[in-house]
Amino acid sequence: MTLDERPTLLAIQHVPWEGPHRILDACGDLHVKTCKPLAGQPLPAHDEVAGTVVMGGPMNVDEVDRFPALAAEREWLAEAVARELPVLGICLGAQLLARALGAEVRSGEREIGFAPVEVADADDPLLGGLAPRTEVLHWHGDCFDLPAGAEHLASSERTACQAFRARNAWGVLFHPEADFALVEAWMEAPTMVAEACAALGDEGTHALPGRAAELEATLVARTAPGFAAFAEIVAGG
């Protein structure tokens, strides 16, 4: 297979500091195409891609007056699920996926920093490596209900639905892609620093990179197989 023949993974990015990061480490057999809908880049036709990863951002899924492209993105995701196109939504991406599937997305208890998630399905190809419990990075204020017909995959002390699977689509509210480099990069984004300080105070914010470094080896070991499994699903589609 030549580079031009590789299946295309669409990476949907909403803000500069939230890209696929470590997810791409598993995607060497895929051609990754980045799309920034909020910057005016149109989403491709579904038959032009083999799967998509949808990343985070500080906006709410229903801020369509401020970000009109979110409405089109929700419709695109609904059609992707109907086609059983592999989808991995992270944080805002998970919220958009849930909303596209008819679930309510609303303000919840703010959850920022490292804290455990409970993973219900040890056999899930993407999240099973985190079962039964792993400390992960959270960074959200909105939460969602479980979409109708979806399988509940994870929860935390503050948020009942942290992850779900619907057909060939996964929505993950926490950040399995996190490592020290990601947290360090986020601490250079004023928006992220302001959110962290509001939730954790100055001392808690300054402690985030150190905690990321402490957990990195475990998180990489437990999440890398899931990213590889998703890439394989995309490649096989």
C-alpha atoms as a PDB file:
ATOM      1  CA  MET A   1       0.000   0.000   0.000  1.00  0.00           C
ATOM      2  CA  THR A   2       1.386   3.406  -0.949  1.00  0.00           C
ATOM      3  CA  LEU A   3       0.937   6.513   1.193  1.00  0.00           C
ATOM      4  CA  ASP A   4      -1.724   7.747  -1.237  1.00  0.00           C
ATOM      5  CA  GLU A   5      -3.717   4.522  -0.860  1.00  0.00           C
ATOM      6  CA  ARG A   6      -4.013   4.646   2.910  1.00  0.00           C
ATOM      7  CA  PRO A   7      -7.538   5.041   4.376  1.00  0.00           C
ATOM      8  CA  THR A   8      -8.234   8.608   5.513  1.00  0.00           C
ATOM      9  CA  LEU A   9      -8.842   9.467   9.146  1.00  0.00           C
ATOM     10  CA  LEU A  10     -10.549  12.838   9.524  1.00  0.00           C
ATOM     11  CA  ALA A  11      -9.335  14.773  12.573  1.00  0.00           C
ATOM     12  CA  ILE A  12     -11.849  17.482  13.498  1.00  0.00           C
ATOM     13  CA  GLN A  13     -10.213  20.245  15.532  1.00  0.00           C
ATOM     14  CA  HIS A  14     -12.009  23.144  17.229  1.00  0.00           C
ATOM     15  CA  VAL A  15      -9.178  25.051  18.938  1.00  0.00           C
ATOM     16  CA  PRO A  16      -5.420  25.098  18.246  1.00  0.00           C
ATOM     17  CA  TRP A  17      -4.362  23.431  21.489  1.00  0.00           C
ATOM     18  CA  GLU A  18      -6.677  20.416  21.244  1.00  0.00           C
ATOM     19  CA  GLY A  19      -5.464  18.146  18.493  1.00  0.00           C
ATOM     20  CA  PRO A  20      -5.438  14.329  18.418  1.00  0.00           C
ATOM     21  CA  HIS A  21      -2.032  14.240  20.121  1.00  0.00           C
ATOM     22  CA  ARG A  22      -1.130  10.643  21.114  1.00  0.00           C
ATOM     23  CA  ILE A  23      -4.039   9.172  19.169  1.00  0.00           C
ATOM     24  CA  LEU A  24      -1.975   9.787  16.044  1.00  0.00           C
ATOM     25  CA  ASP A  25       0.810   7.531  17.332  1.00  0.00           C
ATOM     26  CA  ALA A  26      -1.370   4.568  16.344  1.00  0.00           C
ATOM     27  CA  CYS A  27      -2.313   5.938  12.931  1.00  0.00           C
ATOM     28  CA  GLY A  28       0.741   5.218  10.814  1.00  0.00           C
ATOM     29  CA  ASP A  29      -1.307   3.095   8.421  1.00  0.00           C
ATOM     30  CA  LEU A  30      -3.808   5.922   7.936  1.00  0.00           C
ATOM     31  CA  HIS A  31      -3.736   9.203   6.075  1.00  0.00           C
ATOM     32  CA  VAL A  32      -4.754  11.865   8.592  1.00  0.00           C
ATOM     33  CA  LYS A  33      -6.629  14.877   7.253  1.00  0.00           C
ATOM     34  CA  THR A  34      -7.295  17.732   9.674  1.00  0.00           C
ATOM     35  CA  CYS A  35     -10.465  19.809   9.353  1.00  0.00           C
ATOM     36  CA  LYS A  36     -11.220  22.972  11.346  1.00  0.00           C
ATOM     37  CA  PRO A  37     -14.956  23.632  10.851  1.00  0.00           C
ATOM     38  CA  LEU A  38     -15.066  26.651  13.181  1.00  0.00           C
ATOM     39  CA  ALA A  39     -12.381  28.279  11.039  1.00  0.00           C
ATOM     40  CA  GLY A  40     -14.552  27.888   7.953  1.00  0.00           C
ATOM     41  CA  GLN A  41     -13.188  24.623   6.599  1.00  0.00           C
ATOM     42  CA  PRO A  42     -16.008  22.449   5.221  1.00  0.00           C
ATOM     43  CA  LEU A  43     -16.441  18.879   6.392  1.00  0.00           C
ATOM     44  CA  PRO A  44     -15.746  16.346   3.635  1.00  0.00           C
ATOM     45  CA  ALA A  45     -18.297  13.929   2.237  1.00  0.00           C
ATOM     46  CA  HIS A  46     -18.620  10.819   4.379  1.00  0.00           C
ATOM     47  CA  ASP A  47     -17.497   8.537   1.575  1.00  0.00           C
ATOM     48  CA  GLU A  48     -14.204  10.431   1.375  1.00  0.00           C
ATOM     49  CA  VAL A  49     -13.078   9.262   4.825  1.00  0.00           C
ATOM     50  CA  ALA A  50     -12.767   5.933   6.631  1.00  0.00           C
ATOM     51  CA  GLY A  51     -13.301   7.313  10.138  1.00  0.00           C
ATOM     52  CA  THR A  52     -13.034  10.414  12.272  1.00  0.00           C
ATOM     53  CA  VAL A  53     -11.694  11.614  15.592  1.00  0.00           C
ATOM     54  CA  VAL A  54     -13.432  14.699  16.984  1.00  0.00           C
ATOM     55  CA  MET A  55     -11.503  16.712  19.528  1.00  0.00           C
ATOM     56  CA  GLY A  56     -12.366  19.150  22.301  1.00  0.00           C
ATOM     57  CA  GLY A  57     -12.849  22.860  22.848  1.00  0.00           C
ATOM     58  CA  PRO A  58     -14.356  25.300  25.363  1.00  0.00           C
ATOM     59  CA  MET A  59     -17.579  25.970  23.463  1.00  0.00           C
ATOM     60  CA  ASN A  60     -20.975  24.430  24.189  1.00  0.00           C
ATOM     61  CA  VAL A  61     -22.546  22.149  21.590  1.00  0.00           C
ATOM     62  CA  ASP A  62     -25.585  24.426  21.299  1.00  0.00           C
ATOM     63  CA  GLU A  63     -23.671  27.701  20.767  1.00  0.00           C
ATOM     64  CA  VAL A  64     -24.720  27.621  17.130  1.00  0.00           C
ATOM     65  CA  ASP A  65     -25.413  31.360  16.994  1.00  0.00           C
ATOM     66  CA  ARG A  66     -21.796  32.040  17.924  1.00  0.00           C
ATOM     67  CA  PHE A  67     -20.379  28.993  16.091  1.00  0.00           C
ATOM     68  CA  PRO A  68     -22.783  28.113  13.250  1.00  0.00           C
ATOM     69  CA  ALA A  69     -20.542  25.288  12.033  1.00  0.00           C
ATOM     70  CA  LEU A  70     -21.406  23.261  15.142  1.00  0.00           C
ATOM     71  CA  ALA A  71     -24.884  22.583  13.771  1.00  0.00           C
ATOM     72  CA  ALA A  72     -23.469  21.159  10.547  1.00  0.00           C
ATOM     73  CA  GLU A  73     -20.959  19.139  12.523  1.00  0.00           C
ATOM     74  CA  ARG A  74     -23.705  17.563  14.636  1.00  0.00           C
ATOM     75  CA  GLU A  75     -25.621  16.622  11.483  1.00  0.00           C
ATOM     76  CA  TRP A  76     -22.442  15.207   9.937  1.00  0.00           C
ATOM     77  CA  LEU A  77     -21.837  13.061  13.020  1.00  0.00           C
ATOM     78  CA  ALA A  78     -25.406  11.758  13.068  1.00  0.00           C
ATOM     79  CA  GLU A  79     -25.009  10.615   9.476  1.00  0.00           C
ATOM     80  CA  ALA A  80     -21.586   9.118  10.254  1.00  0.00           C
ATOM     81  CA  VAL A  81     -23.116   6.950  12.986  1.00  0.00           C
ATOM     82  CA  ALA A  82     -25.974   5.935  10.695  1.00  0.00           C
ATOM     83  CA  ARG A  83     -23.373   4.792   8.156  1.00  0.00           C
ATOM     84  CA  GLU A  84     -21.446   3.007  10.940  1.00  0.00           C
ATOM     85  CA  LEU A  85     -18.398   5.097  10.154  1.00  0.00           C
ATOM     86  CA  PRO A  86     -15.868   4.722  13.010  1.00  0.00           C
ATOM     87  CA  VAL A  87     -16.054   7.802  15.249  1.00  0.00           C
ATOM     88  CA  LEU A  88     -14.065   8.725  18.348  1.00  0.00           C
ATOM     89  CA  GLY A  89     -15.279  11.885  20.091  1.00  0.00           C
ATOM     90  CA  ILE A  90     -13.175  13.347  22.904  1.00  0.00           C
ATOM     91  CA  CYS A  91     -14.590  15.889  25.402  1.00  0.00           C
ATOM     92  CA  LEU A  92     -16.472  18.425  23.214  1.00  0.00           C
ATOM     93  CA  GLY A  93     -16.309  15.781  20.487  1.00  0.00           C
ATOM     94  CA  ALA A  94     -18.147  13.362  22.777  1.00  0.00           C
ATOM     95  CA  GLN A  95     -20.706  16.034  23.650  1.00  0.00           C
ATOM     96  CA  LEU A  96     -21.309  16.764  19.962  1.00  0.00           C
ATOM     97  CA  LEU A  97     -21.690  13.053  19.293  1.00  0.00           C
ATOM     98  CA  ALA A  98     -24.155  12.637  22.163  1.00  0.00           C
ATOM     99  CA  ARG A  99     -26.146  15.654  20.979  1.00  0.00           C
ATOM    100  CA  ALA A 100     -26.119  14.339  17.401  1.00  0.00           C
ATOM    101  CA  LEU A 101     -27.649  11.119  18.729  1.00  0.00           C
ATOM    102  CA  GLY A 102     -30.467  12.982  20.475  1.00  0.00           C
ATOM    103  CA  ALA A 103     -29.107  13.057  24.043  1.00  0.00           C
ATOM    104  CA  GLU A 104     -29.287  16.121  26.261  1.00  0.00           C
ATOM    105  CA  VAL A 105     -26.047  18.024  26.833  1.00  0.00           C
ATOM    106  CA  ARG A 106     -26.129  20.402  29.788  1.00  0.00           C
ATOM    107  CA  SER A 107     -24.020  22.186  32.349  1.00  0.00           C
ATOM    108  CA  GLY A 108     -22.727  19.783  34.970  1.00  0.00           C
ATOM    109  CA  GLU A 109     -20.307  19.830  37.839  1.00  0.00           C
ATOM    110  CA  ARG A 110     -16.994  21.221  36.623  1.00  0.00           C
ATOM    111  CA  GLU A 111     -14.387  18.489  36.503  1.00  0.00           C
ATOM    112  CA  ILE A 112     -10.800  19.610  35.848  1.00  0.00           C
ATOM    113  CA  GLY A 113      -7.639  17.738  36.765  1.00  0.00           C
ATOM    114  CA  PHE A 114      -6.682  14.128  37.347  1.00  0.00           C
ATOM    115  CA  ALA A 115      -9.267  11.867  38.968  1.00  0.00           C
ATOM    116  CA  PRO A 116     -10.395   8.249  38.561  1.00  0.00           C
ATOM    117  CA  VAL A 117     -12.909   6.870  36.094  1.00  0.00           C
ATOM    118  CA  GLU A 118     -14.690   3.564  36.520  1.00  0.00           C
ATOM    119  CA  VAL A 119     -14.826   1.587  33.265  1.00  0.00           C
ATOM    120  CA  ALA A 120     -17.711  -0.863  33.054  1.00  0.00           C
ATOM    121  CA  ASP A 121     -16.632  -3.005  30.091  1.00  0.00           C
ATOM    122  CA  ALA A 122     -13.167  -4.554  30.285  1.00  0.00           C
ATOM    123  CA  ASP A 123     -13.722  -6.027  26.813  1.00  0.00           C
ATOM    124  CA  ASP A 124     -14.370  -2.740  25.054  1.00  0.00           C
ATOM    125  CA  PRO A 125     -11.687  -2.405  22.368  1.00  0.00           C
ATOM    126  CA  LEU A 126     -11.035   1.284  23.047  1.00  0.00           C
ATOM    127  CA  LEU A 127     -11.521   1.720  26.791  1.00  0.00           C
ATOM    128  CA  GLY A 128     -11.134  -1.800  28.165  1.00  0.00           C
ATOM    129  CA  GLY A 129      -7.506  -1.162  29.041  1.00  0.00           C
ATOM    130  CA  LEU A 130      -8.635   1.393  31.632  1.00  0.00           C
ATOM    131  CA  ALA A 131     -10.890  -1.085  33.467  1.00  0.00           C
ATOM    132  CA  PRO A 132     -11.818  -1.333  36.185  1.00  0.00           C
ATOM    133  CA  ARG A 133     -10.487   2.036  37.385  1.00  0.00           C
ATOM    134  CA  THR A 134      -7.815   4.466  36.200  1.00  0.00           C
ATOM    135  CA  GLU A 135      -6.856   8.022  37.078  1.00  0.00           C
ATOM    136  CA  VAL A 136      -7.256  10.159  33.957  1.00  0.00           C
ATOM    137  CA  LEU A 137      -7.359  13.825  32.958  1.00  0.00           C
ATOM    138  CA  HIS A 138     -10.747  15.564  33.070  1.00  0.00           C
ATOM    139  CA  TRP A 139     -11.438  19.008  31.624  1.00  0.00           C
ATOM    140  CA  HIS A 140     -15.126  19.750  31.171  1.00  0.00           C
ATOM    141  CA  GLY A 141     -18.039  21.706  32.554  1.00  0.00           C
ATOM    142  CA  ASP A 142     -20.793  20.163  30.409  1.00  0.00           C
ATOM    143  CA  CYS A 143     -22.051  16.604  30.618  1.00  0.00           C
ATOM    144  CA  PHE A 144     -24.480  14.438  28.651  1.00  0.00           C
ATOM    145  CA  ASP A 145     -27.092  11.763  29.099  1.00  0.00           C
ATOM    146  CA  LEU A 146     -26.534   8.326  27.627  1.00  0.00           C
ATOM    147  CA  PRO A 147     -27.904   8.386  24.070  1.00  0.00           C
ATOM    148  CA  ALA A 148     -30.815   6.031  23.397  1.00  0.00           C
ATOM    149  CA  GLY A 149     -29.546   2.603  22.430  1.00  0.00           C
ATOM    150  CA  ALA A 150     -25.935   3.362  23.382  1.00  0.00           C
ATOM    151  CA  GLU A 151     -23.834   1.277  25.758  1.00  0.00           C
ATOM    152  CA  HIS A 152     -22.643   2.989  28.936  1.00  0.00           C
ATOM    153  CA  LEU A 153     -18.873   2.545  29.294  1.00  0.00           C
ATOM    154  CA  ALA A 154     -17.531   4.772  32.071  1.00  0.00           C
ATOM    155  CA  SER A 155     -18.411   7.058  34.965  1.00  0.00           C
ATOM    156  CA  SER A 156     -16.671   9.176  37.582  1.00  0.00           C
ATOM    157  CA  GLU A 157     -17.592  10.427  41.032  1.00  0.00           C
ATOM    158  CA  ARG A 158     -18.921  13.702  39.614  1.00  0.00           C
ATOM    159  CA  THR A 159     -20.230  12.583  36.215  1.00  0.00           C
ATOM    160  CA  ALA A 160     -22.513   9.607  35.663  1.00  0.00           C
ATOM    161  CA  CYS A 161     -21.786   9.191  31.947  1.00  0.00           C
ATOM    162  CA  GLN A 162     -18.125   9.617  31.086  1.00  0.00           C
ATOM    163  CA  ALA A 163     -18.126   7.422  27.991  1.00  0.00           C
ATOM    164  CA  PHE A 164     -20.459   5.491  25.706  1.00  0.00           C
ATOM    165  CA  ARG A 165     -20.489   3.433  22.550  1.00  0.00           C
ATOM    166  CA  ALA A 166     -23.151   3.685  19.842  1.00  0.00           C
ATOM    167  CA  ARG A 167     -22.625   1.262  16.959  1.00  0.00           C
ATOM    168  CA  ASN A 168     -19.126   2.055  15.677  1.00  0.00           C
ATOM    169  CA  ALA A 169     -18.875   5.370  17.539  1.00  0.00           C
ATOM    170  CA  TRP A 170     -17.346   6.141  20.913  1.00  0.00           C
ATOM    171  CA  GLY A 171     -17.874   9.278  22.991  1.00  0.00           C
ATOM    172  CA  VAL A 172     -15.307   9.862  25.750  1.00  0.00           C
ATOM    173  CA  LEU A 173     -15.695  12.900  27.994  1.00  0.00           C
ATOM    174  CA  PHE A 174     -12.293  12.582  29.693  1.00  0.00           C
ATOM    175  CA  HIS A 175      -8.924  12.812  27.907  1.00  0.00           C
ATOM    176  CA  PRO A 176      -7.314   9.407  27.334  1.00  0.00           C
ATOM    177  CA  GLU A 177      -4.772  11.069  25.019  1.00  0.00           C
ATOM    178  CA  ALA A 178      -3.285  13.098  27.884  1.00  0.00           C
ATOM    179  CA  ASP A 179       0.372  12.943  28.878  1.00  0.00           C
ATOM    180  CA  PHE A 180       2.927  15.393  30.242  1.00  0.00           C
ATOM    181  CA  ALA A 181       3.475  17.057  26.856  1.00  0.00           C
ATOM    182  CA  LEU A 182      -0.245  17.692  26.390  1.00  0.00           C
ATOM    183  CA  VAL A 183      -0.692  19.217  29.853  1.00  0.00           C
ATOM    184  CA  GLU A 184       2.419  21.328  29.396  1.00  0.00           C
ATOM    185  CA  ALA A 185       1.057  22.630  26.078  1.00  0.00           C
ATOM    186  CA  TRP A 186      -2.335  23.377  27.635  1.00  0.00           C
ATOM    187  CA  MET A 187      -0.630  25.398  30.346  1.00  0.00           C
ATOM    188  CA  GLU A 188       0.584  27.724  27.602  1.00  0.00           C
ATOM    189  CA  ALA A 189      -3.003  28.432  26.477  1.00  0.00           C
ATOM    190  CA  PRO A 190      -4.493  31.354  28.485  1.00  0.00           C
ATOM    191  CA  THR A 191      -8.020  29.932  28.183  1.00  0.00           C
ATOM    192  CA  MET A 192      -6.948  26.656  29.751  1.00  0.00           C
ATOM    193  CA  VAL A 193      -4.952  28.313  32.514  1.00  0.00           C
ATOM    194  CA  ALA A 194      -7.926  30.509  33.422  1.00  0.00           C
ATOM    195  CA  GLU A 195     -10.244  27.489  33.570  1.00  0.00           C
ATOM    196  CA  ALA A 196      -7.782  25.531  35.685  1.00  0.00           C
ATOM    197  CA  CYS A 197      -7.237  28.405  38.113  1.00  0.00           C
ATOM    198  CA  ALA A 198     -10.982  28.886  38.516  1.00  0.00           C
ATOM    199  CA  ALA A 199     -11.414  25.211  39.379  1.00  0.00           C
ATOM    200  CA  LEU A 200      -8.190  24.342  41.181  1.00  0.00           C
ATOM    201  CA  GLY A 201      -6.612  27.605  42.315  1.00  0.00           C
ATOM    202  CA  ASP A 202      -3.055  28.609  41.502  1.00  0.00           C
ATOM    203  CA  GLU A 203      -1.457  25.817  43.503  1.00  0.00           C
ATOM    204  CA  GLY A 204      -3.599  23.095  41.929  1.00  0.00           C
ATOM    205  CA  THR A 205      -2.975  24.480  38.449  1.00  0.00           C
ATOM    206  CA  HIS A 206       0.794  24.509  38.934  1.00  0.00           C
ATOM    207  CA  ALA A 207       0.621  20.895  40.136  1.00  0.00           C
ATOM    208  CA  LEU A 208      -1.011  19.571  36.948  1.00  0.00           C
ATOM    209  CA  PRO A 209       2.159  19.003  34.861  1.00  0.00           C
ATOM    210  CA  GLY A 210       3.847  17.166  37.701  1.00  0.00           C
ATOM    211  CA  ARG A 211       0.860  14.893  38.169  1.00  0.00           C
ATOM    212  CA  ALA A 212       0.784  14.261  34.428  1.00  0.00           C
ATOM    213  CA  ALA A 213       4.429  13.229  34.545  1.00  0.00           C
ATOM    214  CA  GLU A 214       3.766  10.845  37.452  1.00  0.00           C
ATOM    215  CA  LEU A 215       0.877   9.137  35.660  1.00  0.00           C
ATOM    216  CA  GLU A 216       2.231   9.205  32.116  1.00  0.00           C
ATOM    217  CA  ALA A 217       3.742   5.714  31.919  1.00  0.00           C
ATOM    218  CA  THR A 218       0.586   4.076  33.261  1.00  0.00           C
ATOM    219  CA  LEU A 219      -1.745   6.133  31.075  1.00  0.00           C
ATOM    220  CA  VAL A 220       0.235   5.498  27.903  1.00  0.00           C
ATOM    221  CA  ALA A 221       0.382   1.766  28.586  1.00  0.00           C
ATOM    222  CA  ARG A 222      -3.343   1.529  29.287  1.00  0.00           C
ATOM    223  CA  THR A 223      -4.605   3.753  26.467  1.00  0.00           C
ATOM    224  CA  ALA A 224      -2.248   2.992  23.567  1.00  0.00           C
ATOM    225  CA  PRO A 225      -3.912  -0.385  22.820  1.00  0.00           C
ATOM    226  CA  GLY A 226      -7.290   1.344  22.551  1.00  0.00           C
ATOM    227  CA  PHE A 227      -5.983   3.914  20.085  1.00  0.00           C
ATOM    228  CA  ALA A 228      -4.406   1.101  18.074  1.00  0.00           C
ATOM    229  CA  ALA A 229      -7.712  -0.769  18.089  1.00  0.00           C
ATOM    230  CA  PHE A 230      -9.556   2.307  16.817  1.00  0.00           C
ATOM    231  CA  ALA A 231      -6.986   2.836  14.062  1.00  0.00           C
ATOM    232  CA  GLU A 232      -7.393  -0.815  13.056  1.00  0.00           C
ATOM    233  CA  ILE A 233     -11.172  -0.426  12.921  1.00  0.00           C
ATOM    234  CA  VAL A 234     -10.764   2.622  10.687  1.00  0.00           C
ATOM    235  CA  ALA A 235      -8.235   0.852   8.460  1.00  0.00           C
ATOM    236  CA  GLY A 236     -10.512  -2.157   8.118  1.00  0.00           C
ATOM    237  CA  GLY A 237     -13.607  -0.165   7.278  1.00  0.00           C
END
